[in-house]
C-alpha atoms as a PDB file:
ATOM      1  CA  MET A   1       0.000   0.000   0.000  1.00  0.00           C
ATOM      2  CA  SER A   2       1.161   3.518  -0.700  1.00  0.00           C
ATOM      3  CA  ASP A   3       1.271   6.419   1.709  1.00  0.00           C
ATOM      4  CA  SER A   4      -1.759   8.703   2.016  1.00  0.00           C
ATOM      5  CA  PHE A   5      -1.754  12.502   1.875  1.00  0.00           C
ATOM      6  CA  ARG A   6      -3.240  14.255   4.893  1.00  0.00           C
ATOM      7  CA  THR A   7      -3.418  17.748   6.314  1.00  0.00           C
ATOM      8  CA  LEU A   8      -3.748  17.426  10.078  1.00  0.00           C
ATOM      9  CA  ILE A   9      -4.690  20.525  12.088  1.00  0.00           C
ATOM     10  CA  VAL A  10      -5.093  20.505  15.862  1.00  0.00           C
ATOM     11  CA  PRO A  11      -5.949  23.250  18.368  1.00  0.00           C
ATOM     12  CA  THR A  12      -3.070  24.554  20.471  1.00  0.00           C
ATOM     13  CA  ALA A  13      -4.598  22.961  23.565  1.00  0.00           C
ATOM     14  CA  GLN A  14      -4.167  19.522  21.929  1.00  0.00           C
ATOM     15  CA  VAL A  15      -0.814  19.987  20.156  1.00  0.00           C
ATOM     16  CA  GLU A  16       1.464  18.408  22.785  1.00  0.00           C
ATOM     17  CA  LEU A  17      -0.648  15.251  22.827  1.00  0.00           C
ATOM     18  CA  ALA A  18      -0.720  15.147  19.013  1.00  0.00           C
ATOM     19  CA  ARG A  19       3.073  15.518  18.892  1.00  0.00           C
ATOM     20  CA  ALA A  20       3.591  12.782  21.493  1.00  0.00           C
ATOM     21  CA  ILE A  21       1.294  10.376  19.665  1.00  0.00           C
ATOM     22  CA  ALA A  22       2.944  11.043  16.304  1.00  0.00           C
ATOM     23  CA  ALA A  23       6.417  10.517  17.795  1.00  0.00           C
ATOM     24  CA  ALA A  24       5.283   7.302  19.498  1.00  0.00           C
ATOM     25  CA  PHE A  25       4.666   5.798  16.064  1.00  0.00           C
ATOM     26  CA  GLY A  26       8.330   6.153  15.173  1.00  0.00           C
ATOM     27  CA  PRO A  27      10.976   8.504  13.800  1.00  0.00           C
ATOM     28  CA  GLY A  28       8.722   9.657  10.958  1.00  0.00           C
ATOM     29  CA  GLY A  29       6.338  11.163  13.498  1.00  0.00           C
ATOM     30  CA  VAL A  30       8.980  13.199  15.300  1.00  0.00           C
ATOM     31  CA  GLY A  31       8.768  16.874  14.426  1.00  0.00           C
ATOM     32  CA  MET A  32       5.126  16.908  13.378  1.00  0.00           C
ATOM     33  CA  PHE A  33       2.740  19.771  14.232  1.00  0.00           C
ATOM     34  CA  ARG A  34       5.270  22.603  14.067  1.00  0.00           C
ATOM     35  CA  ALA A  35       3.443  25.004  11.703  1.00  0.00           C
ATOM     36  CA  ALA A  36       1.731  27.584  13.925  1.00  0.00           C
ATOM     37  CA  LEU A  37      -1.594  29.015  12.740  1.00  0.00           C
ATOM     38  CA  SER A  38      -3.941  31.802  13.798  1.00  0.00           C
ATOM     39  CA  ALA A  39      -6.832  33.820  12.392  1.00  0.00           C
ATOM     40  CA  ASP A  40      -4.676  36.834  11.508  1.00  0.00           C
ATOM     41  CA  GLY A  41      -1.212  35.287  11.115  1.00  0.00           C
ATOM     42  CA  ASN A  42      -0.004  36.787  14.403  1.00  0.00           C
ATOM     43  CA  GLU A  43       0.848  35.168  17.721  1.00  0.00           C
ATOM     44  CA  PRO A  44      -0.542  33.540  19.693  1.00  0.00           C
ATOM     45  CA  ALA A  45      -1.101  30.416  17.645  1.00  0.00           C
ATOM     46  CA  THR A  46      -4.551  28.898  17.929  1.00  0.00           C
ATOM     47  CA  HIS A  47      -3.762  25.753  15.904  1.00  0.00           C
ATOM     48  CA  TYR A  48      -0.824  23.712  14.629  1.00  0.00           C
ATOM     49  CA  CYS A  49      -0.531  21.786  11.387  1.00  0.00           C
ATOM     50  CA  SER A  50       1.330  18.894   9.854  1.00  0.00           C
ATOM     51  CA  THR A  51       0.853  17.973   6.245  1.00  0.00           C
ATOM     52  CA  GLY A  52       2.256  15.398   3.889  1.00  0.00           C
ATOM     53  CA  TYR A  53       2.230  11.689   3.221  1.00  0.00           C
ATOM     54  CA  ILE A  54       1.684   9.304   6.098  1.00  0.00           C
ATOM     55  CA  PRO A  55       1.885   5.501   6.190  1.00  0.00           C
ATOM     56  CA  PRO A  56      -1.380   3.698   5.381  1.00  0.00           C
ATOM     57  CA  GLN A  57      -1.567   2.050   8.819  1.00  0.00           C
ATOM     58  CA  PHE A  58      -1.474   5.498  10.491  1.00  0.00           C
ATOM     59  CA  ALA A  59      -3.874   7.029   7.934  1.00  0.00           C
ATOM     60  CA  GLY A  60      -6.377   4.286   8.760  1.00  0.00           C
ATOM     61  CA  MET A  61      -6.257   5.104  12.473  1.00  0.00           C
ATOM     62  CA  VAL A  62      -6.785   8.876  12.338  1.00  0.00           C
ATOM     63  CA  PRO A  63     -10.080  10.544  11.496  1.00  0.00           C
ATOM     64  CA  CYS A  64     -10.538  12.229   8.125  1.00  0.00           C
ATOM     65  CA  GLN A  65     -13.224  14.654   6.989  1.00  0.00           C
ATOM     66  CA  TYR A  66     -14.163  15.188   3.342  1.00  0.00           C
ATOM     67  CA  TRP A  67     -15.303  18.577   2.061  1.00  0.00           C
ATOM     68  CA  THR A  68     -16.715  20.129  -1.099  1.00  0.00           C
ATOM     69  CA  GLN A  69     -17.679  23.666  -1.970  1.00  0.00           C
ATOM     70  CA  ASP A  70     -21.181  24.512  -3.091  1.00  0.00           C
ATOM     71  CA  GLU A  71     -21.919  26.850  -5.996  1.00  0.00           C
ATOM     72  CA  ASP A  72     -21.663  29.850  -3.638  1.00  0.00           C
ATOM     73  CA  GLY A  73     -18.222  28.819  -2.366  1.00  0.00           C
ATOM     74  CA  ASN A  74     -19.456  27.586   1.017  1.00  0.00           C
ATOM     75  CA  TRP A  75     -17.775  24.510   2.420  1.00  0.00           C
ATOM     76  CA  GLU A  76     -19.909  21.450   3.146  1.00  0.00           C
ATOM     77  CA  GLU A  77     -18.673  18.341   4.911  1.00  0.00           C
ATOM     78  CA  THR A  78     -19.623  15.433   2.668  1.00  0.00           C
ATOM     79  CA  GLY A  79     -18.261  12.535   4.684  1.00  0.00           C
ATOM     80  CA  GLU A  80     -16.056  11.406   7.497  1.00  0.00           C
ATOM     81  CA  ASP A  81     -13.906   8.448   8.477  1.00  0.00           C
ATOM     82  CA  PRO A  82     -13.995   8.386  12.293  1.00  0.00           C
ATOM     83  CA  GLY A  83     -10.560   6.857  12.735  1.00  0.00           C
ATOM     84  CA  ASP A  84      -9.805   4.275  15.387  1.00  0.00           C
ATOM     85  CA  PRO A  85      -8.930   5.867  18.738  1.00  0.00           C
ATOM     86  CA  GLN A  86      -8.759   2.444  20.403  1.00  0.00           C
ATOM     87  CA  ALA A  87      -6.082   1.290  17.945  1.00  0.00           C
ATOM     88  CA  VAL A  88      -4.101   4.485  18.544  1.00  0.00           C
ATOM     89  CA  TYR A  89      -4.420   4.009  22.302  1.00  0.00           C
ATOM     90  CA  ASP A  90      -3.291   0.385  22.054  1.00  0.00           C
ATOM     91  CA  ALA A  91      -0.309   1.322  19.880  1.00  0.00           C
ATOM     92  CA  VAL A  92       1.004   4.286  21.856  1.00  0.00           C
ATOM     93  CA  THR A  93       0.540   3.020  25.414  1.00  0.00           C
ATOM     94  CA  ARG A  94       2.496  -0.176  24.808  1.00  0.00           C
ATOM     95  CA  ASP A  95       6.103  -0.299  26.062  1.00  0.00           C
ATOM     96  CA  VAL A  96       8.757  -1.082  23.452  1.00  0.00           C
ATOM     97  CA  ILE A  97      10.920  -3.910  24.786  1.00  0.00           C
ATOM     98  CA  ASP A  98      14.311  -4.978  23.415  1.00  0.00           C
ATOM     99  CA  GLU A  99      15.470  -8.570  22.946  1.00  0.00           C
ATOM    100  CA  ASP A 100      16.825  -8.655  26.519  1.00  0.00           C
ATOM    101  CA  GLY A 101      13.470  -7.657  27.997  1.00  0.00           C
ATOM    102  CA  ASN A 102      14.451  -4.065  28.755  1.00  0.00           C
ATOM    103  CA  VAL A 103      11.996  -1.246  28.179  1.00  0.00           C
ATOM    104  CA  VAL A 104      13.682   0.873  25.522  1.00  0.00           C
ATOM    105  CA  LYS A 105      10.731   3.177  25.015  1.00  0.00           C
ATOM    106  CA  PRO A 106       7.948   3.444  27.560  1.00  0.00           C
ATOM    107  CA  GLY A 107       4.397   3.760  26.336  1.00  0.00           C
ATOM    108  CA  LEU A 108       2.645   7.099  26.616  1.00  0.00           C
ATOM    109  CA  ASP A 109       0.719   7.949  29.753  1.00  0.00           C
ATOM    110  CA  VAL A 110      -2.522   8.846  27.983  1.00  0.00           C
ATOM    111  CA  THR A 111      -6.143   7.787  28.282  1.00  0.00           C
ATOM    112  CA  LEU A 112      -8.506   6.635  25.586  1.00  0.00           C
ATOM    113  CA  ALA A 113     -10.728   9.615  26.469  1.00  0.00           C
ATOM    114  CA  GLN A 114      -7.846  12.020  25.760  1.00  0.00           C
ATOM    115  CA  ILE A 115      -7.291  10.447  22.342  1.00  0.00           C
ATOM    116  CA  GLU A 116     -11.019  10.608  21.596  1.00  0.00           C
ATOM    117  CA  ALA A 117     -11.036  14.311  22.556  1.00  0.00           C
ATOM    118  CA  LEU A 118      -8.057  14.925  20.263  1.00  0.00           C
ATOM    119  CA  PHE A 119      -9.854  13.205  17.392  1.00  0.00           C
ATOM    120  CA  ALA A 120     -12.990  15.283  18.026  1.00  0.00           C
ATOM    121  CA  ALA A 121     -10.974  18.536  17.998  1.00  0.00           C
ATOM    122  CA  ALA A 122      -8.761  17.709  15.004  1.00  0.00           C
ATOM    123  CA  ASP A 123      -9.385  18.788  11.426  1.00  0.00           C
ATOM    124  CA  VAL A 124      -7.901  16.059   9.237  1.00  0.00           C
ATOM    125  CA  THR A 125      -8.453  16.151   5.483  1.00  0.00           C
ATOM    126  CA  THR A 126      -6.975  15.219   2.135  1.00  0.00           C
ATOM    127  CA  GLN A 127      -7.017  18.932   1.236  1.00  0.00           C
ATOM    128  CA  ASN A 128      -3.989  21.003   0.332  1.00  0.00           C
ATOM    129  CA  PRO A 129      -3.038  22.765   3.586  1.00  0.00           C
ATOM    130  CA  TYR A 130      -3.738  26.247   2.212  1.00  0.00           C
ATOM    131  CA  VAL A 131      -7.209  25.159   1.112  1.00  0.00           C
ATOM    132  CA  ALA A 132      -7.840  23.764   4.604  1.00  0.00           C
ATOM    133  CA  PHE A 133      -6.519  26.975   6.187  1.00  0.00           C
ATOM    134  CA  GLY A 134      -8.860  29.048   4.024  1.00  0.00           C
ATOM    135  CA  ARG A 135     -11.818  26.818   4.867  1.00  0.00           C
ATOM    136  CA  MET A 136     -11.055  27.240   8.568  1.00  0.00           C
ATOM    137  CA  GLY A 137     -10.265  30.977   8.391  1.00  0.00           C
ATOM    138  CA  ILE A 138      -6.691  30.598   9.638  1.00  0.00           C
ATOM    139  CA  GLU A 139      -3.218  31.246   8.238  1.00  0.00           C
ATOM    140  CA  GLN A 140       0.380  30.539   9.132  1.00  0.00           C
ATOM    141  CA  VAL A 141       1.808  32.648  11.921  1.00  0.00           C
ATOM    142  CA  ARG A 142       4.408  35.090  10.600  1.00  0.00           C
ATOM    143  CA  THR A 143       7.740  35.219  12.388  1.00  0.00           C
ATOM    144  CA  ASP A 144      10.802  37.424  12.151  1.00  0.00           C
ATOM    145  CA  ASP A 145      13.068  34.391  12.339  1.00  0.00           C
ATOM    146  CA  PRO A 146      14.975  33.711   9.109  1.00  0.00           C
ATOM    147  CA  VAL A 147      14.274  30.275   7.702  1.00  0.00           C
END
């Protein structure tokens, strides 16, 4: 199976949990949710985004909403995959044990309810990130830091 494109946007209140969960899935998840967003492009950030291709097993676990625009340009949600919060919980709370029986990476201290709340708050789509930003009325936070 090939990777799936997703734009994942989470509120600031949920970003640390989203980052921890992404990192718990492996090195590819480290560094996600770094793009700060707000309504006017100024601090403070109200949301954070990660976008790109994700492995099919992860794509199948996270929720995804599908959107279309009507003839007046209004966005309408046309469908949703709810994701599988139980599978995410099972995957990220499990300790990683080496061949000698040592815990090399402890599982996350998170509840199923926290993952469900993250899923409910997240905006996850197959849309280009700038289309999703426009739909949500947010933009990237501008910084003075050189890239």
